[in-house]
Structure formats: structure tokens, C-alpha cells
Amino acid sequence: MTVSGVTASAVSALTANAARVAAVADNVANVGTVGFKATQVRTTTVVTRQGAGGGFAAGGVRTVALEQSNVDLAGEFANLVQARVAYGAAVAVLRTADETFRALIDIRT
């Protein structure tokens, strides 16, 4: 897996978790709105098969929005915590990729 592939996967994860946080914010803001249907964003990993080598390339994170019947504040808080942890992990991956790029540049100069 290339460093650019890792970076693309991490950015995909950041985008997916931003969607999760946005859904939580919308659900909490509308908790008292009559007829409001809560939205839950589910994330799944995407792994792509490379060509003739048979290996796998970095994929990313796919999001799917599901409509729910009501807003559960405890569940929304749990979703927010999960998104925060996943967001932090993606940021750590980006920092590591940045350090790797910098080390490669230092080796070449």
C-alpha cells in the first residue's frame, strides 16, 4: 500500500465521520420537532482489489444514511463519541503519513 493510498483512506474516514457528526447535530437540534425522523449514518470500509498482483489497495470509508423513527439522546451521544474516536484515528494516520513523507524527502536531499 502506498503512502498516498493511506492518505486517501484517512481523508475518506475524516469525511465519513464529519457526516456522522452532522447527523448527530441535526438529530439533537430537532429532538423536540414534531414529526422529525432521526438520521443515523453508518460507515463501512471499502477495500479494492488491485490488478494482476492479486493484492488489495487502500479503499476508504463509505457512508449510508438510515432514517430512524425517533431521537435517542443517549444513542446520539454514543454516536458522537464513536465519531470522535474514529476521527482522531484518521488524524493520527495523516500525521504518520506526513512524517513518512518528510522522512522520504530528507533521505533524498
N, C-alpha and C. Protein backbone atom coordinates (compact mmCIF):
# COMPACT_ATOMS: atom_id res chain seq x y z
N MET A 1 0.85 -1.16 0.00
CA MET A 1 0.00 0.00 0.00
C MET A 1 0.90 1.23 0.00
N THR A 2 0.56 2.19 -0.83
CA THR A 2 1.35 3.40 -0.93
C THR A 2 0.95 4.41 0.14
N VAL A 3 1.85 5.34 0.38
CA VAL A 3 1.54 6.39 1.36
C VAL A 3 0.39 7.25 0.86
N SER A 4 0.33 7.49 -0.45
CA SER A 4 -0.79 8.28 -0.98
C SER A 4 -2.11 7.52 -0.84
N GLY A 5 -2.09 6.20 -0.95
CA GLY A 5 -3.29 5.40 -0.73
C GLY A 5 -3.76 5.47 0.71
N VAL A 6 -2.81 5.43 1.62
CA VAL A 6 -3.13 5.55 3.04
C VAL A 6 -3.73 6.92 3.33
N THR A 7 -3.14 7.95 2.74
CA THR A 7 -3.64 9.30 2.92
C THR A 7 -5.06 9.44 2.39
N ALA A 8 -5.33 8.87 1.22
CA ALA A 8 -6.67 8.93 0.64
C ALA A 8 -7.69 8.22 1.53
N SER A 9 -7.30 7.10 2.11
CA SER A 9 -8.20 6.37 3.02
C SER A 9 -8.49 7.19 4.26
N ALA A 10 -7.46 7.84 4.80
CA ALA A 10 -7.65 8.65 6.00
C ALA A 10 -8.56 9.84 5.73
N VAL A 11 -8.40 10.48 4.58
CA VAL A 11 -9.28 11.60 4.22
C VAL A 11 -10.71 11.12 4.04
N SER A 12 -10.88 9.94 3.47
CA SER A 12 -12.20 9.35 3.33
C SER A 12 -12.84 9.12 4.70
N ALA A 13 -12.05 8.67 5.65
CA ALA A 13 -12.55 8.45 7.01
C ALA A 13 -12.94 9.76 7.68
N LEU A 14 -12.14 10.81 7.46
CA LEU A 14 -12.47 12.12 8.03
C LEU A 14 -13.80 12.62 7.48
N THR A 15 -14.01 12.47 6.18
CA THR A 15 -15.25 12.90 5.56
C THR A 15 -16.45 12.12 6.09
N ALA A 16 -16.27 10.81 6.23
CA ALA A 16 -17.36 9.96 6.74
C ALA A 16 -17.72 10.34 8.17
N ASN A 17 -16.73 10.59 9.00
CA ASN A 17 -17.02 10.94 10.39
C ASN A 17 -17.57 12.35 10.52
N ALA A 18 -17.23 13.22 9.60
CA ALA A 18 -17.86 14.55 9.59
C ALA A 18 -19.36 14.40 9.29
N ALA A 19 -19.72 13.46 8.41
CA ALA A 19 -21.13 13.20 8.11
C ALA A 19 -21.84 12.64 9.35
N ARG A 20 -21.16 11.79 10.11
CA ARG A 20 -21.75 11.24 11.33
C ARG A 20 -22.02 12.34 12.34
N VAL A 21 -21.06 13.25 12.51
CA VAL A 21 -21.23 14.35 13.46
C VAL A 21 -22.35 15.28 13.01
N ALA A 22 -22.43 15.54 11.71
CA ALA A 22 -23.51 16.40 11.19
C ALA A 22 -24.88 15.78 11.45
N ALA A 23 -24.99 14.47 11.28
CA ALA A 23 -26.27 13.79 11.54
C ALA A 23 -26.64 13.88 13.01
N VAL A 24 -25.65 13.68 13.90
CA VAL A 24 -25.92 13.80 15.34
C VAL A 24 -26.38 15.21 15.68
N ALA A 25 -25.71 16.22 15.14
CA ALA A 25 -26.08 17.61 15.41
C ALA A 25 -27.51 17.89 14.94
N ASP A 26 -27.85 17.40 13.76
CA ASP A 26 -29.20 17.61 13.23
C ASP A 26 -30.24 16.90 14.10
N ASN A 27 -29.93 15.69 14.53
CA ASN A 27 -30.86 14.94 15.37
C ASN A 27 -31.09 15.62 16.71
N VAL A 28 -30.01 16.07 17.34
CA VAL A 28 -30.13 16.72 18.65
C VAL A 28 -30.86 18.06 18.52
N ALA A 29 -30.56 18.80 17.47
CA ALA A 29 -31.22 20.10 17.28
C ALA A 29 -32.72 19.96 17.05
N ASN A 30 -33.13 18.82 16.50
CA ASN A 30 -34.55 18.63 16.19
C ASN A 30 -35.25 17.64 17.11
N VAL A 31 -34.67 17.39 18.28
CA VAL A 31 -35.24 16.40 19.20
C VAL A 31 -36.68 16.74 19.58
N GLY A 32 -37.02 17.99 19.64
CA GLY A 32 -38.37 18.39 20.02
C GLY A 32 -39.29 18.69 18.86
N THR A 33 -38.82 18.52 17.64
CA THR A 33 -39.62 18.83 16.46
C THR A 33 -40.60 17.70 16.17
N VAL A 34 -41.87 18.05 16.12
CA VAL A 34 -42.92 17.05 15.86
C VAL A 34 -42.76 16.50 14.44
N GLY A 35 -42.78 15.19 14.31
CA GLY A 35 -42.69 14.55 13.02
C GLY A 35 -41.29 14.38 12.47
N PHE A 36 -40.28 14.83 13.22
CA PHE A 36 -38.89 14.72 12.75
C PHE A 36 -38.46 13.26 12.79
N LYS A 37 -37.82 12.81 11.75
CA LYS A 37 -37.26 11.46 11.67
C LYS A 37 -35.75 11.57 11.80
N ALA A 38 -35.21 10.92 12.80
CA ALA A 38 -33.77 10.95 13.04
C ALA A 38 -33.02 10.26 11.90
N THR A 39 -31.79 10.68 11.69
CA THR A 39 -30.92 10.07 10.70
C THR A 39 -29.72 9.46 11.41
N GLN A 40 -29.38 8.25 11.05
CA GLN A 40 -28.18 7.62 11.58
C GLN A 40 -27.27 7.32 10.40
N VAL A 41 -26.02 7.72 10.51
CA VAL A 41 -25.05 7.45 9.45
C VAL A 41 -24.24 6.23 9.85
N ARG A 42 -24.26 5.24 8.99
CA ARG A 42 -23.46 4.02 9.21
C ARG A 42 -22.27 4.06 8.26
N THR A 43 -21.16 3.59 8.74
CA THR A 43 -19.96 3.58 7.91
C THR A 43 -19.50 2.15 7.68
N THR A 44 -18.99 1.90 6.50
CA THR A 44 -18.39 0.61 6.17
C THR A 44 -17.09 0.85 5.44
N THR A 45 -16.17 -0.07 5.58
CA THR A 45 -14.90 0.06 4.89
C THR A 45 -15.02 -0.42 3.46
N VAL A 46 -14.20 0.15 2.61
CA VAL A 46 -14.16 -0.22 1.21
C VAL A 46 -12.73 -0.65 0.91
N VAL A 47 -12.57 -1.86 0.44
CA VAL A 47 -11.25 -2.37 0.05
C VAL A 47 -11.34 -2.76 -1.41
N THR A 48 -10.39 -2.30 -2.19
CA THR A 48 -10.41 -2.60 -3.62
C THR A 48 -9.28 -3.56 -3.98
N ARG A 49 -9.57 -4.46 -4.88
CA ARG A 49 -8.57 -5.43 -5.33
C ARG A 49 -7.72 -4.77 -6.42
N GLN A 50 -6.41 -4.93 -6.28
CA GLN A 50 -5.51 -4.40 -7.30
C GLN A 50 -5.54 -5.31 -8.50
N GLY A 51 -4.89 -4.90 -9.55
CA GLY A 51 -4.89 -5.63 -10.81
C GLY A 51 -4.32 -7.03 -10.73
N ALA A 52 -3.38 -7.32 -11.58
CA ALA A 52 -2.85 -8.68 -11.75
C ALA A 52 -2.12 -9.21 -10.52
N GLY A 53 -1.62 -8.32 -9.66
CA GLY A 53 -0.87 -8.75 -8.48
C GLY A 53 -1.71 -9.51 -7.47
N GLY A 54 -3.02 -9.32 -7.49
CA GLY A 54 -3.89 -10.03 -6.58
C GLY A 54 -3.96 -9.44 -5.18
N GLY A 55 -3.20 -8.38 -4.92
CA GLY A 55 -3.23 -7.76 -3.60
C GLY A 55 -4.40 -6.81 -3.49
N PHE A 56 -4.43 -6.12 -2.38
CA PHE A 56 -5.51 -5.17 -2.14
C PHE A 56 -4.93 -3.77 -2.00
N ALA A 57 -5.68 -2.80 -2.49
CA ALA A 57 -5.29 -1.40 -2.40
C ALA A 57 -6.12 -0.72 -1.33
N ALA A 58 -5.62 0.40 -0.88
CA ALA A 58 -6.37 1.19 0.09
C ALA A 58 -7.69 1.60 -0.53
N GLY A 59 -8.73 1.43 0.21
CA GLY A 59 -10.05 1.81 -0.28
C GLY A 59 -10.50 3.10 0.35
N GLY A 60 -11.29 2.98 1.38
CA GLY A 60 -11.79 4.16 2.05
C GLY A 60 -12.95 3.78 2.95
N VAL A 61 -13.76 4.76 3.24
CA VAL A 61 -14.92 4.57 4.10
C VAL A 61 -16.15 5.05 3.36
N ARG A 62 -17.17 4.22 3.32
CA ARG A 62 -18.42 4.57 2.65
C ARG A 62 -19.47 4.85 3.73
N THR A 63 -20.32 5.84 3.49
CA THR A 63 -21.38 6.17 4.45
C THR A 63 -22.74 5.85 3.85
N VAL A 64 -23.64 5.43 4.72
CA VAL A 64 -25.03 5.17 4.35
C VAL A 64 -25.89 5.83 5.41
N ALA A 65 -26.83 6.66 4.99
CA ALA A 65 -27.74 7.34 5.92
C ALA A 65 -29.02 6.53 6.05
N LEU A 66 -29.39 6.22 7.29
CA LEU A 66 -30.60 5.46 7.57
C LEU A 66 -31.57 6.33 8.37
N GLU A 67 -32.84 6.26 8.01
CA GLU A 67 -33.85 7.03 8.74
C GLU A 67 -34.36 6.20 9.91
N GLN A 68 -34.48 6.86 11.06
CA GLN A 68 -34.99 6.19 12.25
C GLN A 68 -36.28 6.87 12.69
N SER A 69 -36.98 6.22 13.59
CA SER A 69 -38.29 6.75 13.99
C SER A 69 -38.20 7.90 14.98
N ASN A 70 -37.25 7.89 15.89
CA ASN A 70 -37.18 8.96 16.89
C ASN A 70 -35.72 9.21 17.28
N VAL A 71 -35.51 10.23 18.09
CA VAL A 71 -34.17 10.60 18.53
C VAL A 71 -33.93 10.05 19.93
N ASP A 72 -32.88 9.29 20.08
CA ASP A 72 -32.45 8.77 21.37
C ASP A 72 -31.19 9.54 21.77
N LEU A 73 -31.32 10.45 22.74
CA LEU A 73 -30.19 11.31 23.10
C LEU A 73 -28.98 10.52 23.59
N ALA A 74 -29.20 9.47 24.35
CA ALA A 74 -28.07 8.64 24.81
C ALA A 74 -27.38 7.99 23.62
N GLY A 75 -28.16 7.50 22.68
CA GLY A 75 -27.58 6.90 21.47
C GLY A 75 -26.83 7.92 20.64
N GLU A 76 -27.36 9.14 20.57
CA GLU A 76 -26.69 10.20 19.82
C GLU A 76 -25.35 10.56 20.46
N PHE A 77 -25.32 10.58 21.79
CA PHE A 77 -24.06 10.86 22.48
C PHE A 77 -23.05 9.76 22.19
N ALA A 78 -23.49 8.51 22.20
CA ALA A 78 -22.60 7.39 21.89
C ALA A 78 -22.08 7.49 20.45
N ASN A 79 -22.95 7.88 19.51
CA ASN A 79 -22.52 8.07 18.13
C ASN A 79 -21.48 9.17 18.02
N LEU A 80 -21.67 10.23 18.78
CA LEU A 80 -20.72 11.34 18.77
C LEU A 80 -19.36 10.91 19.31
N VAL A 81 -19.35 10.13 20.37
CA VAL A 81 -18.09 9.63 20.94
C VAL A 81 -17.39 8.71 19.94
N GLN A 82 -18.15 7.83 19.29
CA GLN A 82 -17.56 6.93 18.29
C GLN A 82 -16.95 7.73 17.13
N ALA A 83 -17.65 8.75 16.68
CA ALA A 83 -17.14 9.57 15.59
C ALA A 83 -15.87 10.30 16.02
N ARG A 84 -15.84 10.78 17.25
CA ARG A 84 -14.66 11.48 17.75
C ARG A 84 -13.44 10.56 17.77
N VAL A 85 -13.62 9.34 18.26
CA VAL A 85 -12.51 8.39 18.32
C VAL A 85 -12.03 8.03 16.92
N ALA A 86 -12.97 7.76 16.02
CA ALA A 86 -12.61 7.41 14.65
C ALA A 86 -11.93 8.58 13.94
N TYR A 87 -12.41 9.80 14.19
CA TYR A 87 -11.81 10.99 13.61
C TYR A 87 -10.37 11.15 14.10
N GLY A 88 -10.17 10.93 15.40
CA GLY A 88 -8.82 11.01 15.96
C GLY A 88 -7.89 9.97 15.36
N ALA A 89 -8.39 8.77 15.10
CA ALA A 89 -7.57 7.73 14.48
C ALA A 89 -7.17 8.13 13.07
N ALA A 90 -8.09 8.71 12.32
CA ALA A 90 -7.78 9.15 10.96
C ALA A 90 -6.75 10.27 10.97
N VAL A 91 -6.86 11.17 11.93
CA VAL A 91 -5.88 12.26 12.05
C VAL A 91 -4.51 11.68 12.37
N ALA A 92 -4.45 10.67 13.23
CA ALA A 92 -3.18 10.02 13.57
C ALA A 92 -2.55 9.37 12.33
N VAL A 93 -3.39 8.77 11.49
CA VAL A 93 -2.88 8.19 10.25
C VAL A 93 -2.30 9.28 9.35
N LEU A 94 -2.99 10.41 9.24
CA LEU A 94 -2.48 11.51 8.42
C LEU A 94 -1.16 12.07 8.96
N ARG A 95 -1.06 12.17 10.28
CA ARG A 95 0.20 12.63 10.87
C ARG A 95 1.35 11.67 10.56
N THR A 96 1.07 10.38 10.65
CA THR A 96 2.10 9.38 10.35
C THR A 96 2.49 9.44 8.88
N ALA A 97 1.52 9.61 8.00
CA ALA A 97 1.82 9.74 6.57
C ALA A 97 2.66 10.99 6.32
N ASP A 98 2.35 12.07 7.00
CA ASP A 98 3.13 13.30 6.87
C ASP A 98 4.57 13.08 7.32
N GLU A 99 4.75 12.41 8.45
CA GLU A 99 6.09 12.11 8.94
C GLU A 99 6.85 11.22 7.96
N THR A 100 6.15 10.27 7.36
CA THR A 100 6.78 9.38 6.38
C THR A 100 7.21 10.15 5.15
N PHE A 101 6.34 11.02 4.64
CA PHE A 101 6.70 11.86 3.50
C PHE A 101 7.92 12.72 3.82
N ARG A 102 7.93 13.32 5.00
CA ARG A 102 9.06 14.17 5.39
C ARG A 102 10.35 13.37 5.49
N ALA A 103 10.26 12.16 6.03
CA ALA A 103 11.45 11.30 6.13
C ALA A 103 11.96 10.92 4.75
N LEU A 104 11.05 10.65 3.82
CA LEU A 104 11.47 10.31 2.45
C LEU A 104 12.13 11.49 1.77
N ILE A 105 11.60 12.67 2.00
CA ILE A 105 12.20 13.86 1.40
C ILE A 105 13.58 14.10 1.98
N ASP A 106 13.74 13.90 3.29
CA ASP A 106 15.05 14.08 3.92
C ASP A 106 16.07 13.07 3.42
N ILE A 107 15.63 11.87 3.11
CA ILE A 107 16.54 10.85 2.59
C ILE A 107 17.04 11.24 1.21
N ARG A 108 16.18 11.82 0.41
CA ARG A 108 16.54 12.15 -0.97
C ARG A 108 17.39 13.42 -1.06
N THR A 109 17.38 14.24 -0.02
CA THR A 109 18.15 15.50 -0.11
C THR A 109 19.47 15.39 0.56
